[in-house]
Structure formats: structure tokens, C-alpha cells
PDB file of N, CA and C in Angstrom:
ATOM      1  N   UNK A   1      23.839  39.256  12.445  1.00  0.00           N
ATOM      2  CA  UNK A   1      25.590  37.900  12.111  1.00  0.00           C
ATOM      3  C   UNK A   1      25.108  37.383  10.021  1.00  0.00           C
ATOM      4  N   UNK A   2      26.506  38.305   9.884  1.00  0.00           N
ATOM      5  CA  UNK A   2      25.510  38.158   8.756  1.00  0.00           C
ATOM      6  C   UNK A   2      26.160  36.854   7.802  1.00  0.00           C
ATOM      7  N   UNK A   3      25.639  35.958   7.169  1.00  0.00           N
ATOM      8  CA  UNK A   3      26.576  34.448   6.861  1.00  0.00           C
ATOM      9  C   UNK A   3      25.623  32.701   7.877  1.00  0.00           C
ATOM     10  N   UNK A   4      25.313  33.284   8.890  1.00  0.00           N
ATOM     11  CA  UNK A   4      25.129  32.587   9.332  1.00  0.00           C
ATOM     12  C   UNK A   4      23.454  32.389   9.263  1.00  0.00           C
ATOM     13  N   UNK A   5      22.977  30.843   8.840  1.00  0.00           N
ATOM     14  CA  UNK A   5      21.524  31.064   8.510  1.00  0.00           C
ATOM     15  C   UNK A   5      20.964  29.454   9.971  1.00  0.00           C
ATOM     16  N   UNK A   6      19.772  30.354  10.258  1.00  0.00           N
ATOM     17  CA  UNK A   6      18.908  29.771  11.641  1.00  0.00           C
ATOM     18  C   UNK A   6      17.912  29.031   9.754  1.00  0.00           C
ATOM     19  N   UNK A   7      16.952  28.287  10.927  1.00  0.00           N
ATOM     20  CA  UNK A   7      16.610  27.509  11.314  1.00  0.00           C
ATOM     21  C   UNK A   7      15.393  28.166  12.201  1.00  0.00           C
ATOM     22  N   UNK A   8      13.576  27.347  11.251  1.00  0.00           N
ATOM     23  CA  UNK A   8      13.088  27.420  12.173  1.00  0.00           C
ATOM     24  C   UNK A   8      12.436  26.676  12.321  1.00  0.00           C
ATOM     25  N   UNK A   9      11.196  25.888  13.426  1.00  0.00           N
ATOM     26  CA  UNK A   9      10.945  24.230  13.652  1.00  0.00           C
ATOM     27  C   UNK A   9      10.118  25.043  14.302  1.00  0.00           C
ATOM     28  N   UNK A  10       8.479  23.889  13.284  1.00  0.00           N
ATOM     29  CA  UNK A  10       7.112  24.027  12.924  1.00  0.00           C
ATOM     30  C   UNK A  10       6.423  23.397  13.441  1.00  0.00           C
ATOM     31  N   UNK A  11       5.488  24.071  14.298  1.00  0.00           N
ATOM     32  CA  UNK A  11       4.947  23.162  15.578  1.00  0.00           C
ATOM     33  C   UNK A  11       4.609  21.809  15.249  1.00  0.00           C
ATOM     34  N   UNK A  12       4.309  21.632  15.509  1.00  0.00           N
ATOM     35  CA  UNK A  12       3.649  20.079  16.115  1.00  0.00           C
ATOM     36  C   UNK A  12       1.998  20.144  14.570  1.00  0.00           C
ATOM     37  N   UNK A  13       2.273  18.914  13.562  1.00  0.00           N
ATOM     38  CA  UNK A  13       0.758  19.361  13.151  1.00  0.00           C
ATOM     39  C   UNK A  13       0.756  17.708  13.093  1.00  0.00           C
ATOM     40  N   UNK A  14      -0.446  17.070  13.689  1.00  0.00           N
ATOM     41  CA  UNK A  14      -1.389  15.776  13.558  1.00  0.00           C
ATOM     42  C   UNK A  14      -1.259  15.411  12.106  1.00  0.00           C
ATOM     43  N   UNK A  15      -1.174  16.249  11.228  1.00  0.00           N
ATOM     44  CA  UNK A  15      -2.068  15.796   9.483  1.00  0.00           C
ATOM     45  C   UNK A  15      -0.317  15.353   9.071  1.00  0.00           C
ATOM     46  N   UNK A  16       0.527  15.547   9.175  1.00  0.00           N
ATOM     47  CA  UNK A  16       1.831  16.144   8.771  1.00  0.00           C
ATOM     48  C   UNK A  16       2.284  14.763   9.541  1.00  0.00           C
ATOM     49  N   UNK A  17       2.196  14.474  10.764  1.00  0.00           N
ATOM     50  CA  UNK A  17       2.439  13.045  11.419  1.00  0.00           C
ATOM     51  C   UNK A  17       1.719  12.069  10.363  1.00  0.00           C
ATOM     52  N   UNK A  18       0.588  11.961  10.598  1.00  0.00           N
ATOM     53  CA  UNK A  18      -0.438  10.979  10.228  1.00  0.00           C
ATOM     54  C   UNK A  18       0.426  11.115   8.361  1.00  0.00           C
ATOM     55  N   UNK A  19       0.713  12.063   8.006  1.00  0.00           N
ATOM     56  CA  UNK A  19       1.663  11.533   6.070  1.00  0.00           C
ATOM     57  C   UNK A  19       2.652   9.995   6.784  1.00  0.00           C
ATOM     58  N   UNK A  20       3.294  11.472   7.672  1.00  0.00           N
ATOM     59  CA  UNK A  20       4.891  10.760   7.186  1.00  0.00           C
ATOM     60  C   UNK A  20       5.231   9.267   7.894  1.00  0.00           C
ATOM     61  N   UNK A  21       3.751   8.967   8.727  1.00  0.00           N
ATOM     62  CA  UNK A  21       3.483   7.931   9.165  1.00  0.00           C
ATOM     63  C   UNK A  21       2.909   6.516   7.756  1.00  0.00           C
ATOM     64  N   UNK A  22       1.874   7.700   7.618  1.00  0.00           N
ATOM     65  CA  UNK A  22       1.710   6.880   6.065  1.00  0.00           C
ATOM     66  C   UNK A  22       3.267   6.448   5.110  1.00  0.00           C
ATOM     67  N   UNK A  23       4.060   7.135   4.558  1.00  0.00           N
ATOM     68  CA  UNK A  23       4.987   6.473   4.560  1.00  0.00           C
ATOM     69  C   UNK A  23       5.938   5.867   4.772  1.00  0.00           C
ATOM     70  N   UNK A  24       6.216   5.809   6.341  1.00  0.00           N
ATOM     71  CA  UNK A  24       6.921   4.976   6.846  1.00  0.00           C
ATOM     72  C   UNK A  24       6.394   3.464   6.552  1.00  0.00           C
ATOM     73  N   UNK A  25       4.269   2.867   6.945  1.00  0.00           N
ATOM     74  CA  UNK A  25       3.985   1.822   6.253  1.00  0.00           C
ATOM     75  C   UNK A  25       4.539   1.567   4.657  1.00  0.00           C
ATOM     76  N   UNK A  26       4.270   2.848   4.271  1.00  0.00           N
ATOM     77  CA  UNK A  26       4.436   2.495   2.346  1.00  0.00           C
ATOM     78  C   UNK A  26       5.869   1.815   2.533  1.00  0.00           C
ATOM     79  N   UNK A  27       6.759   2.597   3.381  1.00  0.00           N
ATOM     80  CA  UNK A  27       8.193   1.456   2.665  1.00  0.00           C
ATOM     81  C   UNK A  27       8.621   0.419   3.160  1.00  0.00           C
ATOM     82  N   UNK A  28       7.453  -0.207   4.457  1.00  0.00           N
ATOM     83  CA  UNK A  28       7.511  -1.503   4.737  1.00  0.00           C
ATOM     84  C   UNK A  28       6.714  -1.980   4.298  1.00  0.00           C
ATOM     85  N   UNK A  29       5.956  -1.598   3.645  1.00  0.00           N
ATOM     86  CA  UNK A  29       4.731  -2.827   2.331  1.00  0.00           C
ATOM     87  C   UNK A  29       5.598  -2.641   0.819  1.00  0.00           C
ATOM     88  N   UNK A  30       6.612  -1.649   0.977  1.00  0.00           N
ATOM     89  CA  UNK A  30       8.265  -1.741  -0.332  1.00  0.00           C
ATOM     90  C   UNK A  30       8.588  -3.061  -0.135  1.00  0.00           C
ATOM     91  N   UNK A  31       8.775  -3.197   1.180  1.00  0.00           N
ATOM     92  CA  UNK A  31      10.090  -4.297   2.094  1.00  0.00           C
ATOM     93  C   UNK A  31       8.789  -5.564   1.271  1.00  0.00           C
ATOM     94  N   UNK A  32       8.323  -6.399   1.683  1.00  0.00           N
ATOM     95  CA  UNK A  32       6.967  -6.682   1.619  1.00  0.00           C
ATOM     96  C   UNK A  32       8.671  -8.352   2.289  1.00  0.00           C
ATOM     97  N   UNK A  33       8.574  -9.606   1.006  1.00  0.00           N
ATOM     98  CA  UNK A  33       9.466 -10.116   2.328  1.00  0.00           C
ATOM     99  C   UNK A  33      10.650  -9.730   2.002  1.00  0.00           C
ATOM    100  N   UNK A  34      11.522  -8.004   1.072  1.00  0.00           N
ATOM    101  CA  UNK A  34      12.397  -8.095   1.359  1.00  0.00           C
ATOM    102  C   UNK A  34      13.794  -9.484   0.126  1.00  0.00           C
ATOM    103  N   UNK A  35      12.589  -9.211  -0.490  1.00  0.00           N
ATOM    104  CA  UNK A  35      14.061 -10.166  -2.067  1.00  0.00           C
ATOM    105  C   UNK A  35      14.627  -9.097  -2.466  1.00  0.00           C
ATOM    106  N   UNK A  36      14.194  -7.949  -3.046  1.00  0.00           N
ATOM    107  CA  UNK A  36      14.532  -7.135  -3.215  1.00  0.00           C
ATOM    108  C   UNK A  36      14.737  -5.771  -3.449  1.00  0.00           C
ATOM    109  N   UNK A  37      16.377  -5.772  -3.069  1.00  0.00           N
ATOM    110  CA  UNK A  37      17.152  -4.216  -2.957  1.00  0.00           C
ATOM    111  C   UNK A  37      16.149  -2.797  -3.181  1.00  0.00           C
ATOM    112  N   UNK A  38      15.434  -3.053  -4.542  1.00  0.00           N
ATOM    113  CA  UNK A  38      15.020  -2.198  -5.466  1.00  0.00           C
ATOM    114  C   UNK A  38      13.259  -1.907  -6.044  1.00  0.00           C
ATOM    115  N   UNK A  39      12.893  -2.815  -4.406  1.00  0.00           N
ATOM    116  CA  UNK A  39      11.042  -3.112  -5.338  1.00  0.00           C
ATOM    117  C   UNK A  39      10.437  -1.888  -5.193  1.00  0.00           C
ATOM    118  N   UNK A  40       9.158  -2.159  -6.336  1.00  0.00           N
ATOM    119  CA  UNK A  40       9.132  -0.673  -7.049  1.00  0.00           C
ATOM    120  C   UNK A  40       7.965  -0.366  -6.685  1.00  0.00           C
ATOM    121  N   UNK A  41       7.804   1.219  -6.671  1.00  0.00           N
ATOM    122  CA  UNK A  41       7.524   1.756  -5.699  1.00  0.00           C
ATOM    123  C   UNK A  41       5.540   2.116  -6.433  1.00  0.00           C
ATOM    124  N   UNK A  42       5.153   1.799  -5.090  1.00  0.00           N
ATOM    125  CA  UNK A  42       3.601   1.702  -5.669  1.00  0.00           C
ATOM    126  C   UNK A  42       2.865   2.953  -6.649  1.00  0.00           C
ATOM    127  N   UNK A  43       2.079   2.176  -7.719  1.00  0.00           N
ATOM    128  CA  UNK A  43       1.644   3.735  -8.896  1.00  0.00           C
ATOM    129  C   UNK A  43       0.242   3.760  -8.562  1.00  0.00           C
ATOM    130  N   UNK A  44      -0.497   4.796  -8.115  1.00  0.00           N
ATOM    131  CA  UNK A  44       0.138   6.009  -8.030  1.00  0.00           C
ATOM    132  C   UNK A  44       1.286   5.997  -6.625  1.00  0.00           C
ATOM    133  N   UNK A  45       2.580   6.408  -6.145  1.00  0.00           N
ATOM    134  CA  UNK A  45       3.067   7.030  -5.564  1.00  0.00           C
ATOM    135  C   UNK A  45       2.292   7.823  -4.329  1.00  0.00           C
ATOM    136  N   UNK A  46       2.266   7.885  -3.163  1.00  0.00           N
ATOM    137  CA  UNK A  46       1.291   8.350  -2.243  1.00  0.00           C
ATOM    138  C   UNK A  46       1.102  10.196  -3.057  1.00  0.00           C
ATOM    139  N   UNK A  47      -0.104  10.308  -3.104  1.00  0.00           N
ATOM    140  CA  UNK A  47      -0.497  11.582  -3.463  1.00  0.00           C
ATOM    141  C   UNK A  47       0.048  12.543  -2.011  1.00  0.00           C
ATOM    142  N   UNK A  48       1.583  13.952  -2.643  1.00  0.00           N
ATOM    143  CA  UNK A  48       1.793  15.328  -2.137  1.00  0.00           C
ATOM    144  C   UNK A  48       2.985  14.682  -2.784  1.00  0.00           C
ATOM    145  N   UNK A  49       3.442  12.994  -3.107  1.00  0.00           N
ATOM    146  CA  UNK A  49       5.094  13.159  -2.870  1.00  0.00           C
ATOM    147  C   UNK A  49       5.620  12.508  -4.244  1.00  0.00           C
ATOM    148  N   UNK A  50       6.426  12.259  -4.576  1.00  0.00           N
ATOM    149  CA  UNK A  50       7.500  11.696  -6.159  1.00  0.00           C
ATOM    150  C   UNK A  50       8.349  10.541  -5.036  1.00  0.00           C
ATOM    151  N   UNK A  51       8.126   9.598  -5.542  1.00  0.00           N
ATOM    152  CA  UNK A  51       9.324   8.885  -5.452  1.00  0.00           C
ATOM    153  C   UNK A  51      10.824   9.269  -5.745  1.00  0.00           C
ATOM    154  N   UNK A  52      11.544   9.109  -5.236  1.00  0.00           N
ATOM    155  CA  UNK A  52      12.929   9.276  -5.246  1.00  0.00           C
ATOM    156  C   UNK A  52      14.200   8.825  -6.046  1.00  0.00           C
ATOM    157  N   UNK A  53      13.719   7.986  -4.683  1.00  0.00           N
ATOM    158  CA  UNK A  53      15.141   6.712  -4.342  1.00  0.00           C
ATOM    159  C   UNK A  53      15.158   5.828  -3.840  1.00  0.00           C
ATOM    160  N   UNK A  54      15.579   4.053  -3.690  1.00  0.00           N
ATOM    161  CA  UNK A  54      15.753   4.255  -2.891  1.00  0.00           C
ATOM    162  C   UNK A  54      16.709   3.854  -1.964  1.00  0.00           C
ATOM    163  N   UNK A  55      16.888   3.803  -0.470  1.00  0.00           N
ATOM    164  CA  UNK A  55      17.744   3.443   0.528  1.00  0.00           C
ATOM    165  C   UNK A  55      18.386   1.503   0.302  1.00  0.00           C
ATOM    166  N   UNK A  56      19.078   2.009   0.611  1.00  0.00           N
ATOM    167  CA  UNK A  56      19.628   0.130   0.974  1.00  0.00           C
ATOM    168  C   UNK A  56      20.388   0.320   1.954  1.00  0.00           C
ATOM    169  N   UNK A  57      21.264  -0.656   2.253  1.00  0.00           N
ATOM    170  CA  UNK A  57      21.931  -1.514   3.294  1.00  0.00           C
ATOM    171  C   UNK A  57      22.964  -2.972   3.240  1.00  0.00           C
ATOM    172  N   UNK A  58      23.405  -3.169   3.764  1.00  0.00           N
ATOM    173  CA  UNK A  58      24.523  -4.266   4.253  1.00  0.00           C
ATOM    174  C   UNK A  58      24.712  -4.601   5.278  1.00  0.00           C
ATOM    175  N   UNK A  59      23.582  -6.140   5.577  1.00  0.00           N
ATOM    176  CA  UNK A  59      23.656  -6.327   7.002  1.00  0.00           C
ATOM    177  C   UNK A  59      25.395  -6.671   7.572  1.00  0.00           C
ATOM    178  N   UNK A  60      25.276  -6.673   8.370  1.00  0.00           N
ATOM    179  CA  UNK A  60      27.029  -6.388   8.975  1.00  0.00           C
ATOM    180  C   UNK A  60      27.752  -6.505   9.816  1.00  0.00           C
ATOM    181  N   UNK A  61      26.960  -7.120  10.963  1.00  0.00           N
ATOM    182  CA  UNK A  61      26.951  -7.894  12.372  1.00  0.00           C
ATOM    183  C   UNK A  61      27.956 -10.022  12.077  1.00  0.00           C
ATOM    184  N   UNK A  62      27.035 -11.142  11.770  1.00  0.00           N
ATOM    185  CA  UNK A  62      28.480 -11.825  11.974  1.00  0.00           C
ATOM    186  C   UNK A  62      28.877 -12.178  10.371  1.00  0.00           C
ATOM    187  N   UNK A  63      28.855 -11.383   9.188  1.00  0.00           N
ATOM    188  CA  UNK A  63      28.961 -11.503   7.600  1.00  0.00           C
ATOM    189  C   UNK A  63      28.076 -10.484   7.190  1.00  0.00           C
ATOM    190  N   UNK A  64      29.612  -9.507   6.129  1.00  0.00           N
ATOM    191  CA  UNK A  64      28.727  -8.287   4.922  1.00  0.00           C
ATOM    192  C   UNK A  64      28.070  -9.996   4.182  1.00  0.00           C
ATOM    193  N   UNK A  65      26.484  -9.136   3.964  1.00  0.00           N
ATOM    194  CA  UNK A  65      25.419  -9.687   3.515  1.00  0.00           C
ATOM    195  C   UNK A  65      24.689  -8.707   1.754  1.00  0.00           C
ATOM    196  N   UNK A  66      24.093  -8.781   0.878  1.00  0.00           N
ATOM    197  CA  UNK A  66      23.408  -8.223   0.035  1.00  0.00           C
ATOM    198  C   UNK A  66      23.267  -7.132   0.760  1.00  0.00           C
ATOM    199  N   UNK A  67      22.532  -6.337  -0.275  1.00  0.00           N
ATOM    200  CA  UNK A  67      22.736  -5.327  -0.397  1.00  0.00           C
ATOM    201  C   UNK A  67      20.675  -5.292   0.198  1.00  0.00           C
ATOM    202  N   UNK A  68      20.488  -4.477   0.705  1.00  0.00           N
ATOM    203  CA  UNK A  68      18.927  -4.964   1.696  1.00  0.00           C
ATOM    204  C   UNK A  68      18.061  -3.516   1.496  1.00  0.00           C
ATOM    205  N   UNK A  69      16.877  -3.502   0.931  1.00  0.00           N
ATOM    206  CA  UNK A  69      16.234  -2.499   1.052  1.00  0.00           C
ATOM    207  C   UNK A  69      15.553  -1.819   2.617  1.00  0.00           C
ATOM    208  N   UNK A  70      15.818  -0.926   2.858  1.00  0.00           N
ATOM    209  CA  UNK A  70      15.059  -0.366   4.379  1.00  0.00           C
ATOM    210  C   UNK A  70      14.099   0.935   3.978  1.00  0.00           C
ATOM    211  N   UNK A  71      14.190   1.449   3.008  1.00  0.00           N
ATOM    212  CA  UNK A  71      13.463   2.601   2.519  1.00  0.00           C
ATOM    213  C   UNK A  71      13.388   3.832   1.767  1.00  0.00           C
ATOM    214  N   UNK A  72      12.911   4.811   1.486  1.00  0.00           N
ATOM    215  CA  UNK A  72      13.217   5.679   0.620  1.00  0.00           C
ATOM    216  C   UNK A  72      13.270   6.928   0.043  1.00  0.00           C
ATOM    217  N   UNK A  73      14.245   7.142  -0.809  1.00  0.00           N
ATOM    218  CA  UNK A  73      12.892   8.895   0.020  1.00  0.00           C
ATOM    219  C   UNK A  73      12.791   9.514  -1.290  1.00  0.00           C
ATOM    220  N   UNK A  74      11.687  10.574  -0.596  1.00  0.00           N
ATOM    221  CA  UNK A  74      10.432  11.146  -1.556  1.00  0.00           C
ATOM    222  C   UNK A  74      10.024  12.457  -1.283  1.00  0.00           C
ATOM    223  N   UNK A  75       9.987  12.829  -2.309  1.00  0.00           N
ATOM    224  CA  UNK A  75      10.231  14.152  -2.923  1.00  0.00           C
ATOM    225  C   UNK A  75       8.550  15.262  -3.093  1.00  0.00           C
ATOM    226  N   UNK A  76       8.400  15.907  -2.203  1.00  0.00           N
ATOM    227  CA  UNK A  76       7.220  17.067  -1.459  1.00  0.00           C
ATOM    228  C   UNK A  76       6.818  17.560  -3.320  1.00  0.00           C
ATOM    229  N   UNK A  77       5.859  17.319  -3.272  1.00  0.00           N
ATOM    230  CA  UNK A  77       5.414  17.601  -5.224  1.00  0.00           C
ATOM    231  C   UNK A  77       4.930  19.098  -4.754  1.00  0.00           C
ATOM    232  N   UNK A  78       4.771  20.136  -3.928  1.00  0.00           N
ATOM    233  CA  UNK A  78       4.512  21.166  -3.019  1.00  0.00           C
ATOM    234  C   UNK A  78       5.827  21.950  -3.491  1.00  0.00           C
ATOM    235  N   UNK A  79       7.113  21.555  -3.169  1.00  0.00           N
ATOM    236  CA  UNK A  79       7.880  22.065  -2.258  1.00  0.00           C
ATOM    237  C   UNK A  79       9.536  21.491  -3.559  1.00  0.00           C
ATOM    238  N   UNK A  80       9.974  22.059  -3.782  1.00  0.00           N
ATOM    239  CA  UNK A  80      11.230  21.040  -4.764  1.00  0.00           C
ATOM    240  C   UNK A  80      11.802  20.567  -4.039  1.00  0.00           C
ATOM    241  N   UNK A  81      12.489  21.547  -3.238  1.00  0.00           N
ATOM    242  CA  UNK A  81      13.212  21.486  -1.983  1.00  0.00           C
ATOM    243  C   UNK A  81      12.727  20.655  -0.386  1.00  0.00           C
ATOM    244  N   UNK A  82      11.659  19.858  -0.490  1.00  0.00           N
ATOM    245  CA  UNK A  82      11.588  18.798   0.532  1.00  0.00           C
ATOM    246  C   UNK A  82      11.194  17.632  -0.392  1.00  0.00           C
ATOM    247  N   UNK A  83      12.140  17.582   0.791  1.00  0.00           N
ATOM    248  CA  UNK A  83      11.678  15.580   0.709  1.00  0.00           C
ATOM    249  C   UNK A  83      11.458  15.183   2.223  1.00  0.00           C
ATOM    250  N   UNK A  84      11.964  14.036   2.020  1.00  0.00           N
ATOM    251  CA  UNK A  84      11.382  12.915   3.100  1.00  0.00           C
ATOM    252  C   UNK A  84      12.605  11.551   3.410  1.00  0.00           C
ATOM    253  N   UNK A  85      13.227  10.967   3.559  1.00  0.00           N
ATOM    254  CA  UNK A  85      13.122   9.746   3.936  1.00  0.00           C
ATOM    255  C   UNK A  85      13.132   8.733   4.957  1.00  0.00           C
ATOM    256  N   UNK A  86      12.031   8.156   4.269  1.00  0.00           N
ATOM    257  CA  UNK A  86      11.378   6.856   4.875  1.00  0.00           C
ATOM    258  C   UNK A  86      11.597   5.607   5.159  1.00  0.00           C
ATOM    259  N   UNK A  87      12.314   5.060   6.199  1.00  0.00           N
ATOM    260  CA  UNK A  87      12.697   4.127   6.502  1.00  0.00           C
ATOM    261  C   UNK A  87      12.237   3.277   7.421  1.00  0.00           C
ATOM    262  N   UNK A  88      12.419   2.155   7.279  1.00  0.00           N
ATOM    263  CA  UNK A  88      10.768   0.919   7.336  1.00  0.00           C
ATOM    264  C   UNK A  88      11.621   0.265   8.738  1.00  0.00           C
ATOM    265  N   UNK A  89      12.458   0.046   9.074  1.00  0.00           N
ATOM    266  CA  UNK A  89      12.599  -0.099  10.201  1.00  0.00           C
ATOM    267  C   UNK A  89      13.344  -1.237  10.084  1.00  0.00           C
ATOM    268  N   UNK A  90      13.418  -2.232  11.452  1.00  0.00           N
ATOM    269  CA  UNK A  90      14.279  -3.635  11.656  1.00  0.00           C
ATOM    270  C   UNK A  90      13.489  -4.798  11.675  1.00  0.00           C
ATOM    271  N   UNK A  91      13.594  -5.815  10.559  1.00  0.00           N
ATOM    272  CA  UNK A  91      13.325  -6.304   9.858  1.00  0.00           C
ATOM    273  C   UNK A  91      13.009  -7.861  10.385  1.00  0.00           C
ATOM    274  N   UNK A  92      14.243  -8.225  10.799  1.00  0.00           N
ATOM    275  CA  UNK A  92      14.858  -9.812  11.750  1.00  0.00           C
ATOM    276  C   UNK A  92      16.065  -9.487  12.559  1.00  0.00           C
ATOM    277  N   UNK A  93      16.165 -10.417  13.552  1.00  0.00           N
ATOM    278  CA  UNK A  93      18.027 -10.675  13.844  1.00  0.00           C
ATOM    279  C   UNK A  93      18.371 -10.644  13.587  1.00  0.00           C
ATOM    280  N   UNK A  94      19.156 -10.829  12.149  1.00  0.00           N
ATOM    281  CA  UNK A  94      20.572  -9.985  11.952  1.00  0.00           C
ATOM    282  C   UNK A  94      20.038  -8.356  12.191  1.00  0.00           C
ATOM    283  N   UNK A  95      19.290  -7.887  11.907  1.00  0.00           N
ATOM    284  CA  UNK A  95      19.235  -6.209  11.457  1.00  0.00           C
ATOM    285  C   UNK A  95      18.749  -5.773  13.370  1.00  0.00           C
ATOM    286  N   UNK A  96      18.214  -6.460  14.007  1.00  0.00           N
ATOM    287  CA  UNK A  96      18.573  -6.155  15.509  1.00  0.00           C
ATOM    288  C   UNK A  96      19.887  -5.737  15.691  1.00  0.00           C
ATOM    289  N   UNK A  97      20.765  -7.150  15.943  1.00  0.00           N
ATOM    290  CA  UNK A  97      22.637  -6.916  15.650  1.00  0.00           C
ATOM    291  C   UNK A  97      23.407  -6.280  15.594  1.00  0.00           C
ATOM    292  N   UNK A  98      22.683  -6.295  14.339  1.00  0.00           N
ATOM    293  CA  UNK A  98      22.976  -4.920  13.563  1.00  0.00           C
ATOM    294  C   UNK A  98      22.908  -3.281  14.496  1.00  0.00           C
ATOM    295  N   UNK A  99      22.243  -3.346  14.619  1.00  0.00           N
ATOM    296  CA  UNK A  99      21.489  -1.867  14.919  1.00  0.00           C
ATOM    297  C   UNK A  99      22.268  -1.818  16.560  1.00  0.00           C
ATOM    298  N   UNK A 100      21.746  -2.925  16.934  1.00  0.00           N
ATOM    299  CA  UNK A 100      22.781  -3.080  18.862  1.00  0.00           C
ATOM    300  C   UNK A 100      24.558  -2.801  18.496  1.00  0.00           C
ATOM    301  N   UNK A 101      25.139  -3.468  17.791  1.00  0.00           N
ATOM    302  CA  UNK A 101      26.410  -3.175  17.097  1.00  0.00           C
ATOM    303  C   UNK A 101      26.477  -1.893  16.995  1.00  0.00           C
ATOM    304  N   UNK A 102      25.388  -0.494  15.498  1.00  0.00           N
ATOM    305  CA  UNK A 102      25.708   0.109  14.671  1.00  0.00           C
ATOM    306  C   UNK A 102      25.907   1.525  16.341  1.00  0.00           C
ATOM    307  N   UNK A 103      25.409   1.028  17.379  1.00  0.00           N
ATOM    308  CA  UNK A 103      25.050   1.943  19.165  1.00  0.00           C
ATOM    309  C   UNK A 103      27.459   2.629  19.210  1.00  0.00           C
ATOM    310  N   UNK A 104      27.814   1.191  18.664  1.00  0.00           N
ATOM    311  CA  UNK A 104      29.067   1.495  19.184  1.00  0.00           C
ATOM    312  C   UNK A 104      30.281   1.923  18.169  1.00  0.00           C
ATOM    313  N   UNK A 105      30.915   3.424  18.103  1.00  0.00           N
ATOM    314  CA  UNK A 105      31.666   3.406  16.977  1.00  0.00           C
ATOM    315  C   UNK A 105      32.372   3.253  16.981  1.00  0.00           C
ATOM    316  N   UNK A 106      32.693   2.575  15.193  1.00  0.00           N
ATOM    317  CA  UNK A 106      33.993   1.889  15.222  1.00  0.00           C
ATOM    318  C   UNK A 106      34.531   2.598  14.093  1.00  0.00           C
ATOM    319  N   UNK A 107      36.571   2.587  14.194  1.00  0.00           N
ATOM    320  CA  UNK A 107      36.391   3.550  13.516  1.00  0.00           C
ATOM    321  C   UNK A 107      37.376   3.042  12.620  1.00  0.00           C
ATOM    322  N   UNK A 108      36.549   3.213  11.251  1.00  0.00           N
ATOM    323  CA  UNK A 108      37.147   3.219  10.368  1.00  0.00           C
ATOM    324  C   UNK A 108      38.114   4.146   9.216  1.00  0.00           C
ATOM    325  N   UNK A 109      39.309   3.999   8.473  1.00  0.00           N
ATOM    326  CA  UNK A 109      40.089   4.315   8.411  1.00  0.00           C
ATOM    327  C   UNK A 109      39.025   4.937   6.368  1.00  0.00           C
ATOM    328  N   UNK A 110      39.714   6.435   6.760  1.00  0.00           N
ATOM    329  CA  UNK A 110      39.662   6.759   5.073  1.00  0.00           C
ATOM    330  C   UNK A 110      38.108   7.197   5.715  1.00  0.00           C
ATOM    331  N   UNK A 111      37.779   7.788   7.147  1.00  0.00           N
ATOM    332  CA  UNK A 111      36.796   8.381   7.027  1.00  0.00           C
ATOM    333  C   UNK A 111      36.045   9.161   8.427  1.00  0.00           C
ATOM    334  N   UNK A 112      35.796  10.032   8.310  1.00  0.00           N
ATOM    335  CA  UNK A 112      36.318  11.138   8.972  1.00  0.00           C
ATOM    336  C   UNK A 112      34.981  11.106  10.477  1.00  0.00           C
ATOM    337  N   UNK A 113      35.266  11.953  11.604  1.00  0.00           N
ATOM    338  CA  UNK A 113      34.980  10.638  12.533  1.00  0.00           C
ATOM    339  C   UNK A 113      33.913  13.125  13.048  1.00  0.00           C
ATOM    340  N   UNK A 114      32.767  12.318  13.585  1.00  0.00           N
ATOM    341  CA  UNK A 114      32.259  13.344  14.039  1.00  0.00           C
ATOM    342  C   UNK A 114      31.495  13.069  15.521  1.00  0.00           C
ATOM    343  N   UNK A 115      32.142  14.540  16.542  1.00  0.00           N
ATOM    344  CA  UNK A 115      31.738  14.068  17.685  1.00  0.00           C
ATOM    345  C   UNK A 115      30.274  14.502  18.811  1.00  0.00           C
TER     346      UNK A 115
END
């Protein structure tokens, strides 16, 4: 079939799983006390990766809050097209309520829908 892109799935790699776990821990460490939506990445950054961007969100359950740091995007230094999205996880009760609320689809004007 012409024009069809097939992806392959790598087998489980314990070393890679540990590497990803370290990146998630780094996201938790960068979050710290939650004061900055753009915390400074550590220097040096994790071996094999370059910090690329912050991931931010506004809490929305009770009222829309300020921008909050949720994680980061890092680029693998050995593969220019390989990126990792590291998300820190839920940090407080408001975020737990945001998580539960986000499980229910909410129509939003001007946005597409995915089934």
C-alpha cells in the first residue's frame, strides 16, 4: 500500500524504563514547591537529553487558576527526532479534582472532536 506509514513497537527495555522514570522524577524535582510555571532545568540536564520546553496547565475545577508547571519536553541528543514528554503527576487536591473532571468529555466551541 503506497503512502501508508507503519510504525514498529520496540520490545521492553528495562534500562530505557529506568531512564524515563528518572525524567519523571526530574519533573517532580523541578516542580518543587510549585511556585514557578517555568522552573529552571538542572545543569547539567539528564545525560543523553536536552531540555526543550516546559509543559504548563491552568487548574480549572473550581475556578481557572494561574499557569502551573506540569512537566517538560526533552530531546534525545543521539536522535534528533526523538522527544520525551515527562509529566510530573498530580500534586494537590485541586489537581485530583481536575483529573476526575477531565474524564468527562466537555464540548468546547471552536475545537474539534475525537471519537
